[in-house]
Amino acid sequence: RDQLKNVRQIQATLGAFAAILADASVVTWGNPDDGGDSSVVQDQLQHVQQIQATGGAFAAILADGSVVAWGDPDYGGDSSEVQDQ
């Protein structure tokens, strides 16, 4: 609960939420298959400006313009194929 203070934005997939906090970090919760578990990319989720969601994945835009995605690959949660573009 203490993690959900100073929330600036929330986005939702079908089964999870992602919140941007005042320090531009991200807290996620809910179904891990729908993006509720961001532990794989948590170290990259700094300086987050905006989050967008699909049915089962999230994409975060960082301050440097890069994008970090997580969640169900079938819903866009794996951006590795286009990460260098």
C-alpha atoms as a PDB file:
ATOM      1  CA  ARG A   1       0.000   0.000   0.000  1.00  0.00           C
ATOM      2  CA  ASP A   2       2.786   2.413   0.783  1.00  0.00           C
ATOM      3  CA  GLN A   3       3.920   2.113  -2.824  1.00  0.00           C
ATOM      4  CA  LEU A   4       0.702   3.718  -4.072  1.00  0.00           C
ATOM      5  CA  LYS A   5       1.343   7.264  -2.927  1.00  0.00           C
ATOM      6  CA  ASN A   6       1.823  10.308  -5.130  1.00  0.00           C
ATOM      7  CA  VAL A   7       0.355   8.533  -8.160  1.00  0.00           C
ATOM      8  CA  ARG A   8       0.441  10.590 -11.353  1.00  0.00           C
ATOM      9  CA  GLN A   9      -1.143   8.208 -13.876  1.00  0.00           C
ATOM     10  CA  ILE A  10      -2.732   4.754 -14.001  1.00  0.00           C
ATOM     11  CA  GLN A  11      -3.257   2.505 -16.986  1.00  0.00           C
ATOM     12  CA  ALA A  12      -4.956  -0.897 -17.081  1.00  0.00           C
ATOM     13  CA  THR A  13      -4.878  -4.057 -19.142  1.00  0.00           C
ATOM     14  CA  LEU A  14      -7.637  -6.658 -18.843  1.00  0.00           C
ATOM     15  CA  GLY A  15      -6.139  -7.992 -15.628  1.00  0.00           C
ATOM     16  CA  ALA A  16      -3.499  -5.600 -14.286  1.00  0.00           C
ATOM     17  CA  PHE A  17      -2.700  -2.004 -13.414  1.00  0.00           C
ATOM     18  CA  ALA A  18       0.423   0.112 -13.831  1.00  0.00           C
ATOM     19  CA  ALA A  19       0.861   3.378 -11.955  1.00  0.00           C
ATOM     20  CA  ILE A  20       3.414   6.120 -12.577  1.00  0.00           C
ATOM     21  CA  LEU A  21       4.507   7.697  -9.303  1.00  0.00           C
ATOM     22  CA  ALA A  22       5.693  11.234  -8.673  1.00  0.00           C
ATOM     23  CA  ASP A  23       9.327  10.126  -8.836  1.00  0.00           C
ATOM     24  CA  ALA A  24       8.683   8.752 -12.359  1.00  0.00           C
ATOM     25  CA  SER A  25       8.978   5.129 -11.244  1.00  0.00           C
ATOM     26  CA  VAL A  26       6.299   2.495 -11.897  1.00  0.00           C
ATOM     27  CA  VAL A  27       4.342   0.144  -9.647  1.00  0.00           C
ATOM     28  CA  THR A  28       2.387  -2.734 -11.170  1.00  0.00           C
ATOM     29  CA  TRP A  29      -0.074  -5.230  -9.727  1.00  0.00           C
ATOM     30  CA  GLY A  30      -2.605  -7.777 -10.871  1.00  0.00           C
ATOM     31  CA  ASN A  31      -2.378 -10.803 -13.139  1.00  0.00           C
ATOM     32  CA  PRO A  32       1.287 -11.398 -14.051  1.00  0.00           C
ATOM     33  CA  ASP A  33       0.273 -12.659 -17.503  1.00  0.00           C
ATOM     34  CA  ASP A  34      -1.413  -9.311 -18.210  1.00  0.00           C
ATOM     35  CA  GLY A  35       1.525  -7.134 -17.138  1.00  0.00           C
ATOM     36  CA  GLY A  36       0.985  -7.185 -13.386  1.00  0.00           C
ATOM     37  CA  ASP A  37       4.544  -8.403 -12.869  1.00  0.00           C
ATOM     38  CA  SER A  38       7.108  -5.905 -14.154  1.00  0.00           C
ATOM     39  CA  SER A  39      10.074  -7.407 -12.289  1.00  0.00           C
ATOM     40  CA  VAL A  40      11.842  -8.369 -15.530  1.00  0.00           C
ATOM     41  CA  VAL A  41      11.985  -4.706 -16.638  1.00  0.00           C
ATOM     42  CA  GLN A  42      11.799  -2.966 -13.266  1.00  0.00           C
ATOM     43  CA  ASP A  43      15.381  -1.715 -13.430  1.00  0.00           C
ATOM     44  CA  GLN A  44      14.526  -0.003 -16.744  1.00  0.00           C
ATOM     45  CA  LEU A  45      11.362   1.666 -15.449  1.00  0.00           C
ATOM     46  CA  GLN A  46      12.942   4.921 -14.329  1.00  0.00           C
ATOM     47  CA  HIS A  47      12.131   8.416 -15.605  1.00  0.00           C
ATOM     48  CA  VAL A  48       8.817   7.158 -17.001  1.00  0.00           C
ATOM     49  CA  GLN A  49       6.780   9.867 -18.716  1.00  0.00           C
ATOM     50  CA  GLN A  50       3.753   7.948 -19.942  1.00  0.00           C
ATOM     51  CA  ILE A  51       2.286   4.436 -20.073  1.00  0.00           C
ATOM     52  CA  GLN A  52       0.006   2.935 -22.681  1.00  0.00           C
ATOM     53  CA  ALA A  53      -1.799  -0.385 -22.378  1.00  0.00           C
ATOM     54  CA  THR A  54      -3.255  -3.049 -24.624  1.00  0.00           C
ATOM     55  CA  GLY A  55      -5.418  -5.940 -23.502  1.00  0.00           C
ATOM     56  CA  GLY A  56      -2.499  -7.752 -21.918  1.00  0.00           C
ATOM     57  CA  ALA A  57       0.634  -5.593 -22.008  1.00  0.00           C
ATOM     58  CA  PHE A  58       2.063  -2.200 -21.098  1.00  0.00           C
ATOM     59  CA  ALA A  59       4.526   0.104 -22.852  1.00  0.00           C
ATOM     60  CA  ALA A  60       6.263   2.909 -20.996  1.00  0.00           C
ATOM     61  CA  ILE A  61       7.802   5.947 -22.659  1.00  0.00           C
ATOM     62  CA  LEU A  62      10.922   7.099 -20.839  1.00  0.00           C
ATOM     63  CA  ALA A  63      12.317  10.621 -20.616  1.00  0.00           C
ATOM     64  CA  ASP A  64      14.935   9.854 -23.269  1.00  0.00           C
ATOM     65  CA  GLY A  65      12.234   8.754 -25.724  1.00  0.00           C
ATOM     66  CA  SER A  66      12.920   5.048 -25.447  1.00  0.00           C
ATOM     67  CA  VAL A  67      10.185   2.497 -24.821  1.00  0.00           C
ATOM     68  CA  VAL A  68      10.022  -0.371 -22.332  1.00  0.00           C
ATOM     69  CA  ALA A  69       7.337  -3.020 -22.811  1.00  0.00           C
ATOM     70  CA  TRP A  70       6.199  -5.895 -20.609  1.00  0.00           C
ATOM     71  CA  GLY A  71       3.315  -8.308 -20.318  1.00  0.00           C
ATOM     72  CA  ASP A  72       1.846 -10.856 -22.713  1.00  0.00           C
ATOM     73  CA  PRO A  73       3.948 -11.030 -25.907  1.00  0.00           C
ATOM     74  CA  ASP A  74       0.774 -11.695 -27.911  1.00  0.00           C
ATOM     75  CA  TYR A  75      -0.444  -8.251 -26.830  1.00  0.00           C
ATOM     76  CA  GLY A  76       2.805  -6.396 -27.515  1.00  0.00           C
ATOM     77  CA  GLY A  77       4.639  -7.127 -24.287  1.00  0.00           C
ATOM     78  CA  ASP A  78       7.847  -8.123 -26.086  1.00  0.00           C
ATOM     79  CA  SER A  79       9.388  -5.250 -28.026  1.00  0.00           C
ATOM     80  CA  SER A  80      12.791  -6.900 -28.493  1.00  0.00           C
ATOM     81  CA  GLU A  81      12.365  -7.310 -32.255  1.00  0.00           C
ATOM     82  CA  VAL A  82      11.954  -3.561 -32.762  1.00  0.00           C
ATOM     83  CA  GLN A  83      13.970  -2.254 -29.811  1.00  0.00           C
ATOM     84  CA  ASP A  84      16.828  -0.960 -31.974  1.00  0.00           C
ATOM     85  CA  GLN A  85      14.631   0.911 -34.456  1.00  0.00           C
END
